[in-house]
């Protein structure tokens, strides 16, 4: 049995595209008020207008989450507008793969900054509010859903730093789950396989190995992952979904 999210507030990072955008739309359809966080304000405004046109509420927060002060400020804006946070979906990320001896160090820094530090900064700022939310929530529980990857379970050549960031996200999520499970705050991780996404457009020729291996695979859609997010956060308080791995049917 799943429940609606009426009376709750959800924060989605990386909401300007891909899994973040699809998750925001799906969660809004379950009744939550949405705070949309990303750097591309024009895209956030378009998404917010769509949510409002469908009867929902949405707040746009343009922020660079690799800056800890900006991340904390984004959370403060959400609290000032909505007064609470019940759900956090960390979906912001980049993937800049390639031969390690040829990769610019700046690309490695960027993946660590966005995939890991950005998630850490937002989660840290939101934690006090997430821990307070269950006491006044109609659902009696709060949720953090971190979008990792199958690259957070299995290492591969030319993917070392992306692997490193996603292994870290998966590991941190499990540690947080254990730390907060008795305080009505659920931590979950979703690890998608090959999904249609801007990730594969972020660096020219950086994913040739993926294309060679999975060129004929029917890719997952962002909406497929959003359904998993919704499944996690609409479960009753007694049900904690810790980890979901989603692969295309055609992917070995």
C-alpha atoms as a PDB file:
ATOM      1  CA  UNK A   1       0.000   0.000   0.000  1.00  0.00           C
ATOM      2  CA  UNK A   2       1.344   3.420  -0.939  1.00  0.00           C
ATOM      3  CA  UNK A   3       0.280   6.817   0.349  1.00  0.00           C
ATOM      4  CA  UNK A   4      -0.054  10.277  -1.131  1.00  0.00           C
ATOM      5  CA  UNK A   5       2.324  13.072  -0.155  1.00  0.00           C
ATOM      6  CA  UNK A   6      -0.265  15.730   0.668  1.00  0.00           C
ATOM      7  CA  UNK A   7       0.993  18.169   3.288  1.00  0.00           C
ATOM      8  CA  UNK A   8       4.653  17.398   2.644  1.00  0.00           C
ATOM      9  CA  UNK A   9       7.546  19.234   0.972  1.00  0.00           C
ATOM     10  CA  UNK A  10      10.052  17.602  -1.359  1.00  0.00           C
ATOM     11  CA  UNK A  11      13.411  19.006  -2.430  1.00  0.00           C
ATOM     12  CA  UNK A  12      14.891  17.703  -5.688  1.00  0.00           C
ATOM     13  CA  UNK A  13      18.419  18.576  -6.791  1.00  0.00           C
ATOM     14  CA  UNK A  14      19.446  18.313 -10.411  1.00  0.00           C
ATOM     15  CA  UNK A  15      15.845  19.155 -11.236  1.00  0.00           C
ATOM     16  CA  UNK A  16      16.631  20.939 -14.491  1.00  0.00           C
ATOM     17  CA  UNK A  17      16.921  17.717 -16.506  1.00  0.00           C
ATOM     18  CA  UNK A  18      16.903  13.943 -16.590  1.00  0.00           C
ATOM     19  CA  UNK A  19      16.110  11.890 -13.517  1.00  0.00           C
ATOM     20  CA  UNK A  20      15.825  14.971 -11.303  1.00  0.00           C
ATOM     21  CA  UNK A  21      13.232  16.601 -13.545  1.00  0.00           C
ATOM     22  CA  UNK A  22      11.234  13.403 -13.964  1.00  0.00           C
ATOM     23  CA  UNK A  23      11.324  12.744 -10.216  1.00  0.00           C
ATOM     24  CA  UNK A  24      10.068  16.243  -9.430  1.00  0.00           C
ATOM     25  CA  UNK A  25       7.105  15.807 -11.768  1.00  0.00           C
ATOM     26  CA  UNK A  26       6.290  12.381 -10.366  1.00  0.00           C
ATOM     27  CA  UNK A  27       6.486  13.464  -6.734  1.00  0.00           C
ATOM     28  CA  UNK A  28       4.376  16.553  -7.459  1.00  0.00           C
ATOM     29  CA  UNK A  29       1.707  14.273  -8.913  1.00  0.00           C
ATOM     30  CA  UNK A  30       1.514  12.559  -5.507  1.00  0.00           C
ATOM     31  CA  UNK A  31       0.644  15.833  -3.775  1.00  0.00           C
ATOM     32  CA  UNK A  32       3.938  17.170  -2.415  1.00  0.00           C
ATOM     33  CA  UNK A  33       5.005  20.792  -2.733  1.00  0.00           C
ATOM     34  CA  UNK A  34       8.263  20.920  -4.668  1.00  0.00           C
ATOM     35  CA  UNK A  35      11.490  22.853  -4.232  1.00  0.00           C
ATOM     36  CA  UNK A  36      13.487  22.605  -7.451  1.00  0.00           C
ATOM     37  CA  UNK A  37      17.262  23.099  -7.177  1.00  0.00           C
ATOM     38  CA  UNK A  38      19.794  23.313 -10.007  1.00  0.00           C
ATOM     39  CA  UNK A  39      22.023  25.878 -11.684  1.00  0.00           C
ATOM     40  CA  UNK A  40      19.941  26.434 -14.839  1.00  0.00           C
ATOM     41  CA  UNK A  41      17.218  28.759 -13.628  1.00  0.00           C
ATOM     42  CA  UNK A  42      15.459  28.987 -17.002  1.00  0.00           C
ATOM     43  CA  UNK A  43      14.845  25.255 -17.034  1.00  0.00           C
ATOM     44  CA  UNK A  44      13.691  25.291 -13.425  1.00  0.00           C
ATOM     45  CA  UNK A  45      11.202  28.045 -14.228  1.00  0.00           C
ATOM     46  CA  UNK A  46       9.788  26.007 -17.105  1.00  0.00           C
ATOM     47  CA  UNK A  47       9.424  22.972 -14.857  1.00  0.00           C
ATOM     48  CA  UNK A  48       7.830  25.014 -12.083  1.00  0.00           C
ATOM     49  CA  UNK A  49       5.278  26.420 -14.513  1.00  0.00           C
ATOM     50  CA  UNK A  50       4.354  22.933 -15.646  1.00  0.00           C
ATOM     51  CA  UNK A  51       3.900  21.751 -12.045  1.00  0.00           C
ATOM     52  CA  UNK A  52       1.734  24.783 -11.283  1.00  0.00           C
ATOM     53  CA  UNK A  53      -0.329  24.272 -14.439  1.00  0.00           C
ATOM     54  CA  UNK A  54      -1.124  20.784 -13.178  1.00  0.00           C
ATOM     55  CA  UNK A  55      -2.307  22.126  -9.823  1.00  0.00           C
ATOM     56  CA  UNK A  56       0.875  21.779  -7.814  1.00  0.00           C
ATOM     57  CA  UNK A  57       3.156  24.168  -5.938  1.00  0.00           C
ATOM     58  CA  UNK A  58       6.782  24.713  -6.874  1.00  0.00           C
ATOM     59  CA  UNK A  59       9.651  26.885  -5.673  1.00  0.00           C
ATOM     60  CA  UNK A  60      12.636  27.600  -7.919  1.00  0.00           C
ATOM     61  CA  UNK A  61      16.026  27.779  -6.202  1.00  0.00           C
ATOM     62  CA  UNK A  62      18.934  28.396  -8.575  1.00  0.00           C
ATOM     63  CA  UNK A  63      22.149  27.385  -6.809  1.00  0.00           C
ATOM     64  CA  UNK A  64      25.585  25.883  -7.363  1.00  0.00           C
ATOM     65  CA  UNK A  65      25.562  23.045  -4.846  1.00  0.00           C
ATOM     66  CA  UNK A  66      29.328  22.563  -5.044  1.00  0.00           C
ATOM     67  CA  UNK A  67      29.514  25.679  -2.836  1.00  0.00           C
ATOM     68  CA  UNK A  68      28.649  24.703   0.746  1.00  0.00           C
ATOM     69  CA  UNK A  69      27.311  28.168   1.549  1.00  0.00           C
ATOM     70  CA  UNK A  70      25.113  28.116  -1.564  1.00  0.00           C
ATOM     71  CA  UNK A  71      23.789  24.679  -0.640  1.00  0.00           C
ATOM     72  CA  UNK A  72      22.962  25.818   2.889  1.00  0.00           C
ATOM     73  CA  UNK A  73      21.367  28.969   1.480  1.00  0.00           C
ATOM     74  CA  UNK A  74      19.211  26.911  -0.861  1.00  0.00           C
ATOM     75  CA  UNK A  75      17.894  24.869   2.040  1.00  0.00           C
ATOM     76  CA  UNK A  76      17.217  28.062   3.996  1.00  0.00           C
ATOM     77  CA  UNK A  77      15.134  29.378   1.081  1.00  0.00           C
ATOM     78  CA  UNK A  78      13.043  26.233   1.110  1.00  0.00           C
ATOM     79  CA  UNK A  79      12.418  26.536   4.841  1.00  0.00           C
ATOM     80  CA  UNK A  80      11.572  30.241   4.521  1.00  0.00           C
ATOM     81  CA  UNK A  81       9.006  29.452   1.800  1.00  0.00           C
ATOM     82  CA  UNK A  82       7.533  26.134   2.932  1.00  0.00           C
ATOM     83  CA  UNK A  83       8.583  25.763   6.579  1.00  0.00           C
ATOM     84  CA  UNK A  84       9.638  22.131   6.342  1.00  0.00           C
ATOM     85  CA  UNK A  85      11.392  19.406   4.328  1.00  0.00           C
ATOM     86  CA  UNK A  86       9.970  15.876   4.270  1.00  0.00           C
ATOM     87  CA  UNK A  87      11.729  14.431   1.220  1.00  0.00           C
ATOM     88  CA  UNK A  88      15.133  15.054  -0.339  1.00  0.00           C
ATOM     89  CA  UNK A  89      16.058  13.555  -3.713  1.00  0.00           C
ATOM     90  CA  UNK A  90      19.732  14.047  -4.585  1.00  0.00           C
ATOM     91  CA  UNK A  91      19.809  13.655  -8.367  1.00  0.00           C
ATOM     92  CA  UNK A  92      22.464  16.170  -9.446  1.00  0.00           C
ATOM     93  CA  UNK A  93      25.484  14.604 -11.124  1.00  0.00           C
ATOM     94  CA  UNK A  94      27.981  14.553 -13.976  1.00  0.00           C
ATOM     95  CA  UNK A  95      29.850  11.763 -15.757  1.00  0.00           C
ATOM     96  CA  UNK A  96      33.148  12.613 -17.481  1.00  0.00           C
ATOM     97  CA  UNK A  97      34.748   9.300 -18.335  1.00  0.00           C
ATOM     98  CA  UNK A  98      37.879   8.540 -20.294  1.00  0.00           C
ATOM     99  CA  UNK A  99      41.368   7.118 -20.062  1.00  0.00           C
ATOM    100  CA  UNK A 100      42.770   8.075 -16.675  1.00  0.00           C
ATOM    101  CA  UNK A 101      46.208   9.016 -17.990  1.00  0.00           C
ATOM    102  CA  UNK A 102      44.620  11.468 -20.435  1.00  0.00           C
ATOM    103  CA  UNK A 103      41.812  12.891 -18.261  1.00  0.00           C
ATOM    104  CA  UNK A 104      42.272  16.473 -17.046  1.00  0.00           C
ATOM    105  CA  UNK A 105      42.418  16.645 -13.258  1.00  0.00           C
ATOM    106  CA  UNK A 106      39.752  19.364 -13.438  1.00  0.00           C
ATOM    107  CA  UNK A 107      37.258  16.788 -14.722  1.00  0.00           C
ATOM    108  CA  UNK A 108      37.950  14.515 -11.781  1.00  0.00           C
ATOM    109  CA  UNK A 109      37.521  17.452  -9.415  1.00  0.00           C
ATOM    110  CA  UNK A 110      34.229  18.336 -11.076  1.00  0.00           C
ATOM    111  CA  UNK A 111      32.819  14.837 -10.601  1.00  0.00           C
ATOM    112  CA  UNK A 112      33.857  14.787  -6.948  1.00  0.00           C
ATOM    113  CA  UNK A 113      32.459  18.283  -6.425  1.00  0.00           C
ATOM    114  CA  UNK A 114      29.045  17.631  -7.967  1.00  0.00           C
ATOM    115  CA  UNK A 115      28.452  13.919  -7.457  1.00  0.00           C
ATOM    116  CA  UNK A 116      29.737  13.753  -3.897  1.00  0.00           C
ATOM    117  CA  UNK A 117      30.360  17.133  -2.272  1.00  0.00           C
ATOM    118  CA  UNK A 118      27.152  18.667  -3.609  1.00  0.00           C
ATOM    119  CA  UNK A 119      25.146  15.740  -2.252  1.00  0.00           C
ATOM    120  CA  UNK A 120      26.945  15.982   1.092  1.00  0.00           C
ATOM    121  CA  UNK A 121      26.396  19.719   1.416  1.00  0.00           C
ATOM    122  CA  UNK A 122      22.658  19.574   0.710  1.00  0.00           C
ATOM    123  CA  UNK A 123      22.121  16.533   2.902  1.00  0.00           C
ATOM    124  CA  UNK A 124      24.015  18.096   5.804  1.00  0.00           C
ATOM    125  CA  UNK A 125      22.000  21.324   5.579  1.00  0.00           C
ATOM    126  CA  UNK A 126      18.688  19.486   5.262  1.00  0.00           C
ATOM    127  CA  UNK A 127      19.252  16.917   8.029  1.00  0.00           C
ATOM    128  CA  UNK A 128      17.917  18.976  10.968  1.00  0.00           C
ATOM    129  CA  UNK A 129      14.710  19.715   9.070  1.00  0.00           C
ATOM    130  CA  UNK A 130      14.290  16.125   7.878  1.00  0.00           C
ATOM    131  CA  UNK A 131      14.679  14.890  11.451  1.00  0.00           C
ATOM    132  CA  UNK A 132      12.058  17.365  12.688  1.00  0.00           C
ATOM    133  CA  UNK A 133       9.534  16.633   9.944  1.00  0.00           C
ATOM    134  CA  UNK A 134       8.121  13.266  11.089  1.00  0.00           C
ATOM    135  CA  UNK A 135       6.735  14.721  14.328  1.00  0.00           C
ATOM    136  CA  UNK A 136       4.378  17.010  12.398  1.00  0.00           C
ATOM    137  CA  UNK A 137       3.941  14.952   9.238  1.00  0.00           C
ATOM    138  CA  UNK A 138       0.710  13.166   8.348  1.00  0.00           C
ATOM    139  CA  UNK A 139       2.954  10.269   7.299  1.00  0.00           C
ATOM    140  CA  UNK A 140       5.235  10.130  10.351  1.00  0.00           C
ATOM    141  CA  UNK A 141       8.379   9.662   8.290  1.00  0.00           C
ATOM    142  CA  UNK A 142      10.895  11.566   6.134  1.00  0.00           C
ATOM    143  CA  UNK A 143      13.010  10.333   3.219  1.00  0.00           C
ATOM    144  CA  UNK A 144      16.335  10.907   1.508  1.00  0.00           C
ATOM    145  CA  UNK A 145      16.753   9.215  -1.875  1.00  0.00           C
ATOM    146  CA  UNK A 146      20.238   9.344  -3.394  1.00  0.00           C
ATOM    147  CA  UNK A 147      20.654   8.607  -7.086  1.00  0.00           C
ATOM    148  CA  UNK A 148      23.812   6.558  -7.485  1.00  0.00           C
ATOM    149  CA  UNK A 149      24.487   4.194 -10.404  1.00  0.00           C
ATOM    150  CA  UNK A 150      25.378   0.611 -11.223  1.00  0.00           C
ATOM    151  CA  UNK A 151      28.813   2.260 -11.376  1.00  0.00           C
ATOM    152  CA  UNK A 152      28.463   2.460  -7.589  1.00  0.00           C
ATOM    153  CA  UNK A 153      28.485  -1.362  -7.477  1.00  0.00           C
ATOM    154  CA  UNK A 154      30.829  -2.458 -10.266  1.00  0.00           C
ATOM    155  CA  UNK A 155      34.091  -0.862 -11.380  1.00  0.00           C
ATOM    156  CA  UNK A 156      35.093  -0.587 -15.032  1.00  0.00           C
ATOM    157  CA  UNK A 157      38.029   0.696 -17.099  1.00  0.00           C
ATOM    158  CA  UNK A 158      37.972   4.431 -17.959  1.00  0.00           C
ATOM    159  CA  UNK A 159      35.320   5.032 -15.270  1.00  0.00           C
ATOM    160  CA  UNK A 160      37.591   5.231 -12.205  1.00  0.00           C
ATOM    161  CA  UNK A 161      36.575   8.592 -10.758  1.00  0.00           C
ATOM    162  CA  UNK A 162      32.906   8.225 -11.649  1.00  0.00           C
ATOM    163  CA  UNK A 163      33.088   4.807  -9.945  1.00  0.00           C
ATOM    164  CA  UNK A 164      34.730   6.424  -6.934  1.00  0.00           C
ATOM    165  CA  UNK A 165      32.024   9.042  -6.503  1.00  0.00           C
ATOM    166  CA  UNK A 166      29.168   6.585  -6.949  1.00  0.00           C
ATOM    167  CA  UNK A 167      30.693   3.950  -4.658  1.00  0.00           C
ATOM    168  CA  UNK A 168      30.951   6.746  -2.085  1.00  0.00           C
ATOM    169  CA  UNK A 169      27.305   7.726  -2.524  1.00  0.00           C
ATOM    170  CA  UNK A 170      26.157   4.125  -2.141  1.00  0.00           C
ATOM    171  CA  UNK A 171      28.325   3.601   0.939  1.00  0.00           C
ATOM    172  CA  UNK A 172      27.354   6.856   2.618  1.00  0.00           C
ATOM    173  CA  UNK A 173      23.671   6.171   2.031  1.00  0.00           C
ATOM    174  CA  UNK A 174      23.879   2.806   3.780  1.00  0.00           C
ATOM    175  CA  UNK A 175      25.773   4.336   6.724  1.00  0.00           C
ATOM    176  CA  UNK A 176      23.194   7.127   7.044  1.00  0.00           C
ATOM    177  CA  UNK A 177      20.409   4.576   6.814  1.00  0.00           C
ATOM    178  CA  UNK A 178      21.798   2.757   9.826  1.00  0.00           C
ATOM    179  CA  UNK A 179      22.399   6.003  11.703  1.00  0.00           C
ATOM    180  CA  UNK A 180      18.882   7.411  11.316  1.00  0.00           C
ATOM    181  CA  UNK A 181      16.583   4.430  10.817  1.00  0.00           C
ATOM    182  CA  UNK A 182      15.289   4.595  14.421  1.00  0.00           C
ATOM    183  CA  UNK A 183      14.478   8.316  14.053  1.00  0.00           C
ATOM    184  CA  UNK A 184      11.869   7.953  11.297  1.00  0.00           C
ATOM    185  CA  UNK A 185      14.262   9.169   8.610  1.00  0.00           C
ATOM    186  CA  UNK A 186      14.733   6.665   5.782  1.00  0.00           C
ATOM    187  CA  UNK A 187      17.763   6.730   3.500  1.00  0.00           C
ATOM    188  CA  UNK A 188      17.539   4.930   0.163  1.00  0.00           C
ATOM    189  CA  UNK A 189      19.808   4.585  -2.851  1.00  0.00           C
ATOM    190  CA  UNK A 190      18.804   3.926  -6.457  1.00  0.00           C
ATOM    191  CA  UNK A 191      21.421   2.552  -8.847  1.00  0.00           C
ATOM    192  CA  UNK A 192      20.278   2.839 -12.472  1.00  0.00           C
ATOM    193  CA  UNK A 193      21.922   1.199 -15.428  1.00  0.00           C
ATOM    194  CA  UNK A 194      22.078   2.819 -18.853  1.00  0.00           C
ATOM    195  CA  UNK A 195      19.472   5.585 -18.871  1.00  0.00           C
ATOM    196  CA  UNK A 196      18.679   8.202 -21.505  1.00  0.00           C
ATOM    197  CA  UNK A 197      20.292  11.262 -19.994  1.00  0.00           C
ATOM    198  CA  UNK A 198      22.429  14.347 -20.599  1.00  0.00           C
ATOM    199  CA  UNK A 199      25.179  12.508 -18.723  1.00  0.00           C
ATOM    200  CA  UNK A 200      26.248  10.913 -21.975  1.00  0.00           C
ATOM    201  CA  UNK A 201      26.507  14.297 -23.706  1.00  0.00           C
ATOM    202  CA  UNK A 202      28.704  16.005 -21.121  1.00  0.00           C
ATOM    203  CA  UNK A 203      32.025  15.046 -22.704  1.00  0.00           C
ATOM    204  CA  UNK A 204      32.569  14.228 -26.366  1.00  0.00           C
ATOM    205  CA  UNK A 205      33.729  10.658 -26.951  1.00  0.00           C
ATOM    206  CA  UNK A 206      33.968  10.015 -23.197  1.00  0.00           C
ATOM    207  CA  UNK A 207      31.586   7.069 -23.325  1.00  0.00           C
ATOM    208  CA  UNK A 208      32.843   5.166 -26.360  1.00  0.00           C
ATOM    209  CA  UNK A 209      33.346   2.056 -24.216  1.00  0.00           C
ATOM    210  CA  UNK A 210      29.717   2.255 -23.064  1.00  0.00           C
ATOM    211  CA  UNK A 211      28.519   2.760 -26.601  1.00  0.00           C
ATOM    212  CA  UNK A 212      30.530  -0.214 -27.828  1.00  0.00           C
ATOM    213  CA  UNK A 213      29.219  -2.443 -25.053  1.00  0.00           C
ATOM    214  CA  UNK A 214      25.627  -1.234 -24.915  1.00  0.00           C
ATOM    215  CA  UNK A 215      24.962   0.344 -28.295  1.00  0.00           C
ATOM    216  CA  UNK A 216      22.012  -1.957 -28.998  1.00  0.00           C
ATOM    217  CA  UNK A 217      20.505  -1.786 -25.515  1.00  0.00           C
ATOM    218  CA  UNK A 218      17.069  -0.225 -25.185  1.00  0.00           C
ATOM    219  CA  UNK A 219      17.889   2.409 -22.581  1.00  0.00           C
ATOM    220  CA  UNK A 220      15.862   3.180 -19.494  1.00  0.00           C
ATOM    221  CA  UNK A 221      13.909   6.434 -19.446  1.00  0.00           C
ATOM    222  CA  UNK A 222      14.247   9.023 -16.699  1.00  0.00           C
ATOM    223  CA  UNK A 223      10.579   8.401 -15.908  1.00  0.00           C
ATOM    224  CA  UNK A 224      11.391   4.769 -15.113  1.00  0.00           C
ATOM    225  CA  UNK A 225      13.750   5.882 -12.363  1.00  0.00           C
ATOM    226  CA  UNK A 226      11.244   8.489 -11.175  1.00  0.00           C
ATOM    227  CA  UNK A 227       8.715   5.700 -10.618  1.00  0.00           C
ATOM    228  CA  UNK A 228      11.209   3.996  -8.316  1.00  0.00           C
ATOM    229  CA  UNK A 229      11.706   7.248  -6.417  1.00  0.00           C
ATOM    230  CA  UNK A 230       7.959   7.612  -5.993  1.00  0.00           C
ATOM    231  CA  UNK A 231       7.643   4.011  -4.845  1.00  0.00           C
ATOM    232  CA  UNK A 232      10.203   4.600  -2.114  1.00  0.00           C
ATOM    233  CA  UNK A 233       8.821   7.865  -0.763  1.00  0.00           C
ATOM    234  CA  UNK A 234       5.128   6.929  -0.846  1.00  0.00           C
ATOM    235  CA  UNK A 235       5.493   3.734   1.176  1.00  0.00           C
ATOM    236  CA  UNK A 236       3.991   3.692   4.688  1.00  0.00           C
ATOM    237  CA  UNK A 237       6.297   4.523   7.594  1.00  0.00           C
ATOM    238  CA  UNK A 238       6.813   0.853   8.398  1.00  0.00           C
ATOM    239  CA  UNK A 239       8.315   0.117   4.949  1.00  0.00           C
ATOM    240  CA  UNK A 240      11.911   1.155   4.262  1.00  0.00           C
ATOM    241  CA  UNK A 241      13.223   0.399   0.778  1.00  0.00           C
ATOM    242  CA  UNK A 242      16.990   0.550   1.244  1.00  0.00           C
ATOM    243  CA  UNK A 243      18.359  -0.046  -2.241  1.00  0.00           C
ATOM    244  CA  UNK A 244      17.042  -0.480  -5.777  1.00  0.00           C
ATOM    245  CA  UNK A 245      19.126  -1.538  -8.775  1.00  0.00           C
ATOM    246  CA  UNK A 246      17.457  -0.900 -12.138  1.00  0.00           C
ATOM    247  CA  UNK A 247      18.947  -2.123 -15.406  1.00  0.00           C
ATOM    248  CA  UNK A 248      17.618  -2.163 -18.942  1.00  0.00           C
ATOM    249  CA  UNK A 249      16.210  -5.574 -19.762  1.00  0.00           C
ATOM    250  CA  UNK A 250      18.773  -5.931 -22.564  1.00  0.00           C
ATOM    251  CA  UNK A 251      21.797  -5.027 -20.419  1.00  0.00           C
ATOM    252  CA  UNK A 252      23.876  -8.055 -19.323  1.00  0.00           C
END
